[in-house]
């Protein structure tokens, strides 16, 4: 068994940076800005770059939705599900309970597979 961090970083390809920044901001409450200082524009989810995390970047989403990245919500799963629908995403499952909490499978506005995750209280 490993004791090191499993996920170092995740990338979510999106077709429209501004629309996707608005979607992730609305669904998860992230305060994000598009950073054009590197070789490729990016918007860090939650604005934190000092640990494991993820960012949006201009790219083509996988035809089969790709891997699923589960992102923590700060309030209830039901509230996040509602925000996802209202922001133009799709929710693909009911709430699924696991020992660590509850989640629902969803797709963002580009069809990327995401999980809306509420940690156990």
C-alpha atoms as a PDB file:
ATOM      1  CA  UNK A   1       0.000   0.000   0.000  1.00  0.00           C
ATOM      2  CA  UNK A   2       1.286   3.456  -0.902  1.00  0.00           C
ATOM      3  CA  UNK A   3       1.400   6.334   1.568  1.00  0.00           C
ATOM      4  CA  UNK A   4       2.046   9.072  -0.981  1.00  0.00           C
ATOM      5  CA  UNK A   5      -0.502  11.287  -2.706  1.00  0.00           C
ATOM      6  CA  UNK A   6      -2.375   9.331  -5.368  1.00  0.00           C
ATOM      7  CA  UNK A   7      -3.557  12.152  -7.598  1.00  0.00           C
ATOM      8  CA  UNK A   8      -1.037  14.858  -8.364  1.00  0.00           C
ATOM      9  CA  UNK A   9      -3.137  16.982 -10.710  1.00  0.00           C
ATOM     10  CA  UNK A  10      -6.168  16.757 -12.998  1.00  0.00           C
ATOM     11  CA  UNK A  11      -6.983  18.556 -16.218  1.00  0.00           C
ATOM     12  CA  UNK A  12     -10.463  19.092 -17.656  1.00  0.00           C
ATOM     13  CA  UNK A  13     -10.555  20.002 -21.357  1.00  0.00           C
ATOM     14  CA  UNK A  14     -13.187  22.603 -22.249  1.00  0.00           C
ATOM     15  CA  UNK A  15     -14.261  24.227 -25.503  1.00  0.00           C
ATOM     16  CA  UNK A  16     -15.014  27.692 -24.075  1.00  0.00           C
ATOM     17  CA  UNK A  17     -12.924  28.845 -21.118  1.00  0.00           C
ATOM     18  CA  UNK A  18     -15.188  31.726 -20.091  1.00  0.00           C
ATOM     19  CA  UNK A  19     -18.392  29.650 -20.166  1.00  0.00           C
ATOM     20  CA  UNK A  20     -16.714  26.793 -18.293  1.00  0.00           C
ATOM     21  CA  UNK A  21     -15.258  29.098 -15.639  1.00  0.00           C
ATOM     22  CA  UNK A  22     -18.813  30.414 -15.126  1.00  0.00           C
ATOM     23  CA  UNK A  23     -20.237  26.849 -14.932  1.00  0.00           C
ATOM     24  CA  UNK A  24     -17.709  25.607 -12.334  1.00  0.00           C
ATOM     25  CA  UNK A  25     -18.042  28.858 -10.400  1.00  0.00           C
ATOM     26  CA  UNK A  26     -21.815  28.527 -10.257  1.00  0.00           C
ATOM     27  CA  UNK A  27     -21.920  24.812  -9.406  1.00  0.00           C
ATOM     28  CA  UNK A  28     -19.018  24.642  -6.930  1.00  0.00           C
ATOM     29  CA  UNK A  29     -18.653  28.260  -5.786  1.00  0.00           C
ATOM     30  CA  UNK A  30     -15.096  28.555  -7.141  1.00  0.00           C
ATOM     31  CA  UNK A  31     -13.532  31.971  -7.610  1.00  0.00           C
ATOM     32  CA  UNK A  32     -11.538  31.375 -10.796  1.00  0.00           C
ATOM     33  CA  UNK A  33      -9.629  33.502 -13.259  1.00  0.00           C
ATOM     34  CA  UNK A  34      -8.223  32.575 -16.636  1.00  0.00           C
ATOM     35  CA  UNK A  35      -4.422  32.664 -16.458  1.00  0.00           C
ATOM     36  CA  UNK A  36      -2.728  33.331 -19.798  1.00  0.00           C
ATOM     37  CA  UNK A  37       0.845  33.514 -18.437  1.00  0.00           C
ATOM     38  CA  UNK A  38       1.901  30.008 -19.514  1.00  0.00           C
ATOM     39  CA  UNK A  39       2.060  28.202 -22.813  1.00  0.00           C
ATOM     40  CA  UNK A  40      -1.636  27.313 -22.529  1.00  0.00           C
ATOM     41  CA  UNK A  41      -4.446  29.265 -20.832  1.00  0.00           C
ATOM     42  CA  UNK A  42      -5.787  27.648 -17.677  1.00  0.00           C
ATOM     43  CA  UNK A  43      -8.192  28.314 -14.832  1.00  0.00           C
ATOM     44  CA  UNK A  44      -7.356  26.543 -11.588  1.00  0.00           C
ATOM     45  CA  UNK A  45     -10.370  24.997  -9.856  1.00  0.00           C
ATOM     46  CA  UNK A  46     -10.797  26.888  -6.613  1.00  0.00           C
ATOM     47  CA  UNK A  47      -7.744  29.032  -7.395  1.00  0.00           C
ATOM     48  CA  UNK A  48      -5.360  26.842  -5.360  1.00  0.00           C
ATOM     49  CA  UNK A  49      -2.083  25.664  -6.876  1.00  0.00           C
ATOM     50  CA  UNK A  50      -0.247  24.585  -3.698  1.00  0.00           C
ATOM     51  CA  UNK A  51      -1.416  20.967  -3.554  1.00  0.00           C
ATOM     52  CA  UNK A  52      -3.212  18.288  -5.471  1.00  0.00           C
ATOM     53  CA  UNK A  53      -5.871  19.889  -7.588  1.00  0.00           C
ATOM     54  CA  UNK A  54      -7.061  20.455 -11.113  1.00  0.00           C
ATOM     55  CA  UNK A  55      -7.632  23.082 -13.754  1.00  0.00           C
ATOM     56  CA  UNK A  56      -9.626  23.786 -16.900  1.00  0.00           C
ATOM     57  CA  UNK A  57      -7.776  24.225 -20.181  1.00  0.00           C
ATOM     58  CA  UNK A  58      -8.755  24.757 -23.809  1.00  0.00           C
ATOM     59  CA  UNK A  59      -9.064  21.349 -25.384  1.00  0.00           C
ATOM     60  CA  UNK A  60     -11.371  18.756 -26.849  1.00  0.00           C
ATOM     61  CA  UNK A  61     -13.288  16.628 -24.327  1.00  0.00           C
ATOM     62  CA  UNK A  62     -12.990  12.862 -24.778  1.00  0.00           C
ATOM     63  CA  UNK A  63     -15.709  11.379 -26.976  1.00  0.00           C
ATOM     64  CA  UNK A  64     -16.711   8.980 -24.174  1.00  0.00           C
ATOM     65  CA  UNK A  65     -16.643  11.655 -21.405  1.00  0.00           C
ATOM     66  CA  UNK A  66     -13.180  10.527 -20.229  1.00  0.00           C
ATOM     67  CA  UNK A  67     -12.290   9.857 -16.618  1.00  0.00           C
ATOM     68  CA  UNK A  68     -14.550  11.070 -13.838  1.00  0.00           C
ATOM     69  CA  UNK A  69     -13.118  13.675 -11.478  1.00  0.00           C
ATOM     70  CA  UNK A  70     -15.153  13.947  -8.260  1.00  0.00           C
ATOM     71  CA  UNK A  71     -15.251  17.483  -6.888  1.00  0.00           C
ATOM     72  CA  UNK A  72     -16.307  18.311  -3.338  1.00  0.00           C
ATOM     73  CA  UNK A  73     -19.316  20.545  -2.774  1.00  0.00           C
ATOM     74  CA  UNK A  74     -19.421  22.820   0.240  1.00  0.00           C
ATOM     75  CA  UNK A  75     -23.109  22.431   0.995  1.00  0.00           C
ATOM     76  CA  UNK A  76     -25.607  19.655   0.328  1.00  0.00           C
ATOM     77  CA  UNK A  77     -25.472  17.318  -2.632  1.00  0.00           C
ATOM     78  CA  UNK A  78     -29.077  18.192  -3.507  1.00  0.00           C
ATOM     79  CA  UNK A  79     -28.215  21.895  -3.707  1.00  0.00           C
ATOM     80  CA  UNK A  80     -25.232  21.145  -5.952  1.00  0.00           C
ATOM     81  CA  UNK A  81     -27.389  18.937  -8.197  1.00  0.00           C
ATOM     82  CA  UNK A  82     -29.852  21.805  -8.602  1.00  0.00           C
ATOM     83  CA  UNK A  83     -27.053  24.270  -9.397  1.00  0.00           C
ATOM     84  CA  UNK A  84     -25.593  21.851 -11.956  1.00  0.00           C
ATOM     85  CA  UNK A  85     -28.896  21.632 -13.843  1.00  0.00           C
ATOM     86  CA  UNK A  86     -29.399  25.414 -13.690  1.00  0.00           C
ATOM     87  CA  UNK A  87     -25.851  26.058 -14.989  1.00  0.00           C
ATOM     88  CA  UNK A  88     -26.447  23.894 -18.070  1.00  0.00           C
ATOM     89  CA  UNK A  89     -24.932  20.608 -16.886  1.00  0.00           C
ATOM     90  CA  UNK A  90     -26.583  17.203 -16.678  1.00  0.00           C
ATOM     91  CA  UNK A  91     -27.015  15.006 -13.612  1.00  0.00           C
ATOM     92  CA  UNK A  92     -26.860  11.328 -14.572  1.00  0.00           C
ATOM     93  CA  UNK A  93     -27.566   9.513 -11.312  1.00  0.00           C
ATOM     94  CA  UNK A  94     -29.414   9.830  -8.046  1.00  0.00           C
ATOM     95  CA  UNK A  95     -27.387  10.327  -4.875  1.00  0.00           C
ATOM     96  CA  UNK A  96     -25.105   7.342  -4.264  1.00  0.00           C
ATOM     97  CA  UNK A  97     -24.004   6.653  -0.695  1.00  0.00           C
ATOM     98  CA  UNK A  98     -20.503   5.416   0.116  1.00  0.00           C
ATOM     99  CA  UNK A  99     -18.702   5.315   3.490  1.00  0.00           C
ATOM    100  CA  UNK A 100     -16.918   8.618   2.750  1.00  0.00           C
ATOM    101  CA  UNK A 101     -20.132  10.497   1.886  1.00  0.00           C
ATOM    102  CA  UNK A 102     -22.514  10.812  -1.057  1.00  0.00           C
ATOM    103  CA  UNK A 103     -22.076  11.686  -4.712  1.00  0.00           C
ATOM    104  CA  UNK A 104     -23.910  11.956  -8.009  1.00  0.00           C
ATOM    105  CA  UNK A 105     -22.513  11.456 -11.494  1.00  0.00           C
ATOM    106  CA  UNK A 106     -22.888  14.491 -13.756  1.00  0.00           C
ATOM    107  CA  UNK A 107     -21.584  16.070 -16.954  1.00  0.00           C
ATOM    108  CA  UNK A 108     -20.379  19.625 -17.368  1.00  0.00           C
ATOM    109  CA  UNK A 109     -21.396  21.825 -20.300  1.00  0.00           C
ATOM    110  CA  UNK A 110     -18.790  20.125 -22.547  1.00  0.00           C
ATOM    111  CA  UNK A 111     -19.884  16.603 -21.610  1.00  0.00           C
ATOM    112  CA  UNK A 112     -16.927  15.955 -19.277  1.00  0.00           C
ATOM    113  CA  UNK A 113     -17.756  13.361 -16.621  1.00  0.00           C
ATOM    114  CA  UNK A 114     -17.678  14.866 -13.121  1.00  0.00           C
ATOM    115  CA  UNK A 115     -18.842  13.729  -9.726  1.00  0.00           C
ATOM    116  CA  UNK A 116     -20.576  16.046  -7.280  1.00  0.00           C
ATOM    117  CA  UNK A 117     -19.297  14.844  -3.878  1.00  0.00           C
ATOM    118  CA  UNK A 118     -20.639  15.646  -0.390  1.00  0.00           C
ATOM    119  CA  UNK A 119     -18.342  14.381   2.377  1.00  0.00           C
ATOM    120  CA  UNK A 120     -19.836  12.503   5.310  1.00  0.00           C
ATOM    121  CA  UNK A 121     -20.619  14.809   8.193  1.00  0.00           C
END
